């Protein structure tokens, strides 16, 4: 306790070296913080764009807005005995989420 009181009453200042070292450490800390903020902002923007794209594809697939193709879906039971081909309309573009609806005859 006496040591702390003595330090507080002391008129002796810090040396130039101590000041320069503290300024360098402060500068490096600020640079690292700025880099972290920029990186996290970029990651957030990319994830927001991916989420928006996914939600748009999901909405289009659920709404079944425009059929991009027709095709057959083959259903097979667990033993592989029965096969059923069903004519379906396919909604969604290549590489996107897809939705299927049984074609009307």
N, C-alpha and C. Protein backbone atom coordinates (compact mmCIF):
# COMPACT_ATOMS: atom_id res chain seq x y z
N UNK A 1 0.82 -1.19 0.00
CA UNK A 1 0.00 0.00 0.00
C UNK A 1 0.87 1.26 0.00
N UNK A 2 1.96 1.21 0.79
CA UNK A 2 2.86 2.35 0.85
C UNK A 2 3.52 2.59 -0.51
N UNK A 3 3.80 1.49 -1.21
CA UNK A 3 4.45 1.59 -2.51
C UNK A 3 3.56 2.34 -3.51
N UNK A 4 2.27 2.03 -3.50
CA UNK A 4 1.32 2.68 -4.40
C UNK A 4 1.19 4.16 -4.06
N UNK A 5 1.11 4.49 -2.77
CA UNK A 5 1.00 5.88 -2.34
C UNK A 5 2.25 6.66 -2.75
N UNK A 6 3.43 6.04 -2.62
CA UNK A 6 4.67 6.68 -3.01
C UNK A 6 4.69 6.95 -4.50
N UNK A 7 4.21 6.00 -5.29
CA UNK A 7 4.16 6.17 -6.75
C UNK A 7 3.23 7.32 -7.13
N UNK A 8 2.10 7.41 -6.47
CA UNK A 8 1.13 8.46 -6.78
C UNK A 8 1.67 9.85 -6.45
N UNK A 9 2.44 9.97 -5.39
CA UNK A 9 3.00 11.26 -4.98
C UNK A 9 4.27 11.63 -5.75
N UNK A 10 4.84 10.68 -6.41
CA UNK A 10 6.10 10.91 -7.11
C UNK A 10 5.91 11.90 -8.26
N UNK A 11 6.87 12.79 -8.46
CA UNK A 11 6.86 13.78 -9.53
C UNK A 11 7.63 13.28 -10.74
N UNK A 12 8.19 12.13 -10.63
CA UNK A 12 9.00 11.58 -11.69
C UNK A 12 8.08 11.13 -12.83
N UNK A 13 8.35 11.55 -14.06
CA UNK A 13 7.52 11.21 -15.21
C UNK A 13 8.02 9.96 -15.91
N UNK A 14 7.34 9.62 -16.97
CA UNK A 14 7.75 8.46 -17.75
C UNK A 14 8.83 8.87 -18.73
N UNK A 15 9.64 7.89 -19.12
CA UNK A 15 10.73 8.18 -20.05
C UNK A 15 10.19 8.21 -21.47
N UNK A 16 11.00 8.77 -22.37
CA UNK A 16 10.64 8.85 -23.78
C UNK A 16 10.48 7.45 -24.38
N UNK A 17 11.33 6.54 -23.97
CA UNK A 17 11.26 5.16 -24.46
C UNK A 17 9.93 4.51 -24.07
N UNK A 18 9.53 4.71 -22.83
CA UNK A 18 8.26 4.13 -22.38
C UNK A 18 7.09 4.70 -23.18
N UNK A 19 7.14 5.99 -23.46
CA UNK A 19 6.07 6.62 -24.25
C UNK A 19 6.05 6.08 -25.67
N UNK A 20 7.20 5.95 -26.30
CA UNK A 20 7.26 5.43 -27.67
C UNK A 20 6.76 3.99 -27.74
N UNK A 21 7.15 3.18 -26.78
CA UNK A 21 6.68 1.78 -26.76
C UNK A 21 5.17 1.73 -26.59
N UNK A 22 4.63 2.55 -25.71
CA UNK A 22 3.18 2.54 -25.50
C UNK A 22 2.44 3.04 -26.75
N UNK A 23 2.99 4.02 -27.46
CA UNK A 23 2.37 4.51 -28.69
C UNK A 23 2.39 3.44 -29.77
N UNK A 24 3.51 2.71 -29.88
CA UNK A 24 3.60 1.62 -30.87
C UNK A 24 2.59 0.53 -30.55
N UNK A 25 2.48 0.15 -29.29
CA UNK A 25 1.51 -0.88 -28.90
C UNK A 25 0.09 -0.41 -29.18
N UNK A 26 -0.20 0.84 -28.88
CA UNK A 26 -1.52 1.39 -29.16
C UNK A 26 -1.81 1.38 -30.66
N UNK A 27 -0.83 1.79 -31.46
CA UNK A 27 -1.00 1.80 -32.93
C UNK A 27 -1.27 0.41 -33.49
N UNK A 28 -0.51 -0.58 -33.00
CA UNK A 28 -0.73 -1.96 -33.46
C UNK A 28 -2.10 -2.47 -33.04
N UNK A 29 -2.52 -2.12 -31.84
CA UNK A 29 -3.85 -2.55 -31.37
C UNK A 29 -4.96 -1.95 -32.23
N UNK A 30 -4.82 -0.69 -32.57
CA UNK A 30 -5.82 -0.04 -33.41
C UNK A 30 -5.84 -0.65 -34.80
N UNK A 31 -4.67 -0.95 -35.36
CA UNK A 31 -4.60 -1.57 -36.68
C UNK A 31 -5.26 -2.95 -36.68
N UNK A 32 -5.00 -3.73 -35.64
CA UNK A 32 -5.62 -5.06 -35.56
C UNK A 32 -7.13 -4.95 -35.40
N UNK A 33 -7.58 -4.01 -34.60
CA UNK A 33 -9.02 -3.82 -34.41
C UNK A 33 -9.69 -3.41 -35.72
N UNK A 34 -9.06 -2.51 -36.47
CA UNK A 34 -9.62 -2.07 -37.75
C UNK A 34 -9.72 -3.24 -38.72
N UNK A 35 -8.68 -4.08 -38.76
CA UNK A 35 -8.70 -5.25 -39.64
C UNK A 35 -9.83 -6.20 -39.26
N UNK A 36 -10.02 -6.42 -37.97
CA UNK A 36 -11.10 -7.31 -37.52
C UNK A 36 -12.46 -6.75 -37.91
N UNK A 37 -12.66 -5.46 -37.76
CA UNK A 37 -13.94 -4.84 -38.10
C UNK A 37 -14.21 -4.95 -39.59
N UNK A 38 -13.21 -4.67 -40.42
CA UNK A 38 -13.38 -4.75 -41.88
C UNK A 38 -13.70 -6.18 -42.30
N UNK A 39 -12.97 -7.14 -41.76
CA UNK A 39 -13.19 -8.54 -42.10
C UNK A 39 -14.58 -9.01 -41.67
N UNK A 40 -15.00 -8.66 -40.47
CA UNK A 40 -16.32 -9.08 -40.01
C UNK A 40 -17.43 -8.43 -40.83
N UNK A 41 -17.22 -7.20 -41.28
CA UNK A 41 -18.21 -6.53 -42.13
C UNK A 41 -18.34 -7.26 -43.46
N UNK A 42 -17.22 -7.64 -44.06
CA UNK A 42 -17.26 -8.37 -45.34
C UNK A 42 -17.95 -9.72 -45.18
N UNK A 43 -17.65 -10.42 -44.10
CA UNK A 43 -18.28 -11.73 -43.86
C UNK A 43 -19.78 -11.55 -43.68
N UNK A 44 -20.20 -10.53 -42.94
CA UNK A 44 -21.62 -10.27 -42.73
C UNK A 44 -22.32 -9.96 -44.04
N UNK A 45 -21.70 -9.14 -44.89
CA UNK A 45 -22.30 -8.80 -46.19
C UNK A 45 -22.46 -10.04 -47.06
N UNK A 46 -21.42 -10.90 -47.10
CA UNK A 46 -21.51 -12.13 -47.90
C UNK A 46 -22.60 -13.06 -47.38
N UNK A 47 -22.68 -13.22 -46.06
CA UNK A 47 -23.69 -14.12 -45.51
C UNK A 47 -25.10 -13.57 -45.72
N UNK A 48 -25.26 -12.26 -45.66
CA UNK A 48 -26.56 -11.64 -45.92
C UNK A 48 -26.98 -11.86 -47.37
N UNK A 49 -26.04 -11.71 -48.30
CA UNK A 49 -26.35 -11.93 -49.72
C UNK A 49 -26.71 -13.39 -49.98
N UNK A 50 -25.98 -14.33 -49.37
CA UNK A 50 -26.29 -15.76 -49.54
C UNK A 50 -27.65 -16.08 -48.95
N UNK A 51 -27.96 -15.52 -47.79
CA UNK A 51 -29.25 -15.77 -47.16
C UNK A 51 -30.38 -15.21 -48.01
N UNK A 52 -30.19 -14.01 -48.57
CA UNK A 52 -31.21 -13.41 -49.44
C UNK A 52 -31.43 -14.28 -50.68
N UNK A 53 -30.34 -14.77 -51.27
CA UNK A 53 -30.45 -15.63 -52.45
C UNK A 53 -31.20 -16.92 -52.12
N UNK A 54 -30.88 -17.53 -50.98
CA UNK A 54 -31.56 -18.74 -50.55
C UNK A 54 -33.05 -18.48 -50.33
N UNK A 55 -33.38 -17.39 -49.65
CA UNK A 55 -34.78 -17.07 -49.39
C UNK A 55 -35.56 -16.82 -50.69
N UNK A 56 -34.92 -16.17 -51.67
CA UNK A 56 -35.57 -15.94 -52.97
C UNK A 56 -35.84 -17.27 -53.67
N UNK A 57 -34.85 -18.17 -53.66
CA UNK A 57 -35.04 -19.48 -54.29
C UNK A 57 -36.12 -20.28 -53.58
N UNK A 58 -36.12 -20.24 -52.26
CA UNK A 58 -37.12 -20.97 -51.49
C UNK A 58 -38.52 -20.43 -51.77
N UNK A 59 -38.66 -19.11 -51.83
CA UNK A 59 -39.96 -18.51 -52.11
C UNK A 59 -40.45 -18.90 -53.50
N UNK A 60 -39.55 -18.86 -54.49
CA UNK A 60 -39.92 -19.23 -55.86
C UNK A 60 -40.31 -20.70 -55.94
N UNK A 61 -39.58 -21.57 -55.25
CA UNK A 61 -39.89 -22.99 -55.26
C UNK A 61 -41.24 -23.26 -54.58
N UNK A 62 -41.50 -22.58 -53.48
CA UNK A 62 -42.76 -22.78 -52.78
C UNK A 62 -43.95 -22.22 -53.56
N UNK A 63 -43.74 -21.10 -54.24
CA UNK A 63 -44.82 -20.48 -55.00
C UNK A 63 -45.07 -21.21 -56.31
N UNK A 64 -44.10 -22.00 -56.75
CA UNK A 64 -44.18 -22.73 -58.02
C UNK A 64 -44.60 -21.80 -59.14
N UNK A 65 -43.81 -20.72 -59.30
CA UNK A 65 -44.16 -19.66 -60.24
C UNK A 65 -44.05 -20.10 -61.70
N UNK A 66 -42.89 -20.56 -62.11
CA UNK A 66 -42.71 -20.95 -63.51
C UNK A 66 -42.05 -22.31 -63.59
N UNK A 67 -42.64 -23.18 -64.37
CA UNK A 67 -42.09 -24.52 -64.54
C UNK A 67 -40.91 -24.44 -65.49
N UNK A 68 -39.77 -24.95 -65.05
CA UNK A 68 -38.59 -24.91 -65.90
C UNK A 68 -38.45 -26.18 -66.72
N UNK A 69 -39.15 -27.26 -66.33
CA UNK A 69 -39.03 -28.52 -67.06
C UNK A 69 -40.12 -29.47 -66.59
N UNK A 70 -40.26 -30.55 -67.33
CA UNK A 70 -41.10 -31.66 -66.89
C UNK A 70 -40.25 -32.90 -66.92
N UNK A 71 -40.62 -33.87 -66.15
CA UNK A 71 -39.84 -35.10 -66.11
C UNK A 71 -40.57 -36.16 -65.33
N UNK A 72 -39.90 -37.27 -65.16
CA UNK A 72 -40.46 -38.39 -64.42
C UNK A 72 -39.70 -38.55 -63.11
N UNK A 73 -40.43 -38.87 -62.07
CA UNK A 73 -39.82 -39.22 -60.80
C UNK A 73 -40.09 -40.69 -60.59
N UNK A 74 -39.04 -41.44 -60.27
CA UNK A 74 -39.19 -42.87 -60.04
C UNK A 74 -39.18 -43.14 -58.55
N UNK A 75 -40.22 -43.82 -58.09
CA UNK A 75 -40.32 -44.17 -56.67
C UNK A 75 -40.17 -45.68 -56.57
N UNK A 76 -39.33 -46.10 -55.65
CA UNK A 76 -39.03 -47.52 -55.50
C UNK A 76 -39.20 -47.88 -54.03
N UNK A 77 -39.80 -49.04 -53.74
CA UNK A 77 -39.93 -49.40 -52.33
C UNK A 77 -38.60 -49.91 -51.79
N UNK A 78 -38.54 -50.16 -50.49
CA UNK A 78 -37.27 -50.51 -49.85
C UNK A 78 -36.68 -51.82 -50.37
N UNK A 79 -37.51 -52.71 -50.88
CA UNK A 79 -37.01 -53.97 -51.41
C UNK A 79 -36.66 -53.86 -52.89
N UNK A 80 -37.02 -52.76 -53.50
CA UNK A 80 -36.71 -52.55 -54.91
C UNK A 80 -37.63 -53.33 -55.84
N UNK A 81 -38.78 -53.75 -55.33
CA UNK A 81 -39.68 -54.59 -56.11
C UNK A 81 -40.57 -53.76 -57.02
N UNK A 82 -41.25 -52.75 -56.47
CA UNK A 82 -42.19 -51.96 -57.26
C UNK A 82 -41.54 -50.65 -57.69
N UNK A 83 -41.78 -50.28 -58.91
CA UNK A 83 -41.33 -48.98 -59.40
C UNK A 83 -42.52 -48.25 -59.96
N UNK A 84 -42.63 -46.99 -59.65
CA UNK A 84 -43.72 -46.17 -60.15
C UNK A 84 -43.11 -44.93 -60.77
N UNK A 85 -43.46 -44.66 -62.03
CA UNK A 85 -43.04 -43.43 -62.68
C UNK A 85 -44.17 -42.42 -62.61
N UNK A 86 -43.87 -41.24 -62.15
CA UNK A 86 -44.87 -40.19 -62.04
C UNK A 86 -44.40 -39.00 -62.85
N UNK A 87 -45.27 -38.49 -63.72
CA UNK A 87 -44.96 -37.30 -64.52
C UNK A 87 -45.10 -36.06 -63.63
N UNK A 88 -44.06 -35.25 -63.56
CA UNK A 88 -44.09 -34.07 -62.69
C UNK A 88 -43.61 -32.84 -63.44
N UNK A 89 -44.06 -31.68 -62.95
CA UNK A 89 -43.52 -30.39 -63.39
C UNK A 89 -42.44 -30.01 -62.39
N UNK A 90 -41.31 -29.53 -62.89
CA UNK A 90 -40.19 -29.17 -62.03
C UNK A 90 -40.09 -27.65 -61.99
N UNK A 91 -40.03 -27.10 -60.79
CA UNK A 91 -39.93 -25.65 -60.61
C UNK A 91 -38.56 -25.33 -60.01
N UNK A 92 -37.91 -24.30 -60.54
CA UNK A 92 -36.60 -23.90 -60.06
C UNK A 92 -35.57 -24.07 -61.17
N UNK A 93 -34.54 -23.28 -61.12
CA UNK A 93 -33.50 -23.30 -62.14
C UNK A 93 -32.39 -24.28 -61.77
N UNK A 94 -31.52 -24.55 -62.73
CA UNK A 94 -30.38 -25.44 -62.52
C UNK A 94 -29.50 -24.89 -61.40
N UNK A 95 -29.14 -25.75 -60.47
CA UNK A 95 -28.28 -25.34 -59.37
C UNK A 95 -29.01 -24.63 -58.25
N UNK A 96 -30.33 -24.55 -58.32
CA UNK A 96 -31.11 -23.88 -57.28
C UNK A 96 -32.01 -24.90 -56.59
N UNK A 97 -32.76 -24.43 -55.61
CA UNK A 97 -33.74 -25.28 -54.96
C UNK A 97 -34.81 -25.67 -55.96
N UNK A 98 -35.33 -26.86 -55.82
CA UNK A 98 -36.34 -27.35 -56.76
C UNK A 98 -37.62 -27.71 -56.00
N UNK A 99 -38.74 -27.62 -56.72
CA UNK A 99 -40.02 -28.03 -56.20
C UNK A 99 -40.70 -28.83 -57.30
N UNK A 100 -41.46 -29.83 -56.91
CA UNK A 100 -42.11 -30.70 -57.91
C UNK A 100 -43.61 -30.70 -57.68
N UNK A 101 -44.36 -30.84 -58.79
CA UNK A 101 -45.80 -30.93 -58.70
C UNK A 101 -46.24 -31.97 -59.74
N UNK A 102 -47.15 -32.81 -59.36
CA UNK A 102 -47.64 -33.84 -60.30
C UNK A 102 -48.30 -33.13 -61.47
N UNK A 103 -47.88 -33.52 -62.67
CA UNK A 103 -48.42 -32.90 -63.89
C UNK A 103 -49.88 -33.26 -64.04
N UNK A 104 -50.64 -32.31 -64.54
CA UNK A 104 -52.04 -32.58 -64.79
C UNK A 104 -52.15 -33.20 -66.18
N UNK A 105 -52.95 -34.25 -66.30
CA UNK A 105 -53.06 -34.95 -67.60
C UNK A 105 -53.74 -34.13 -68.67
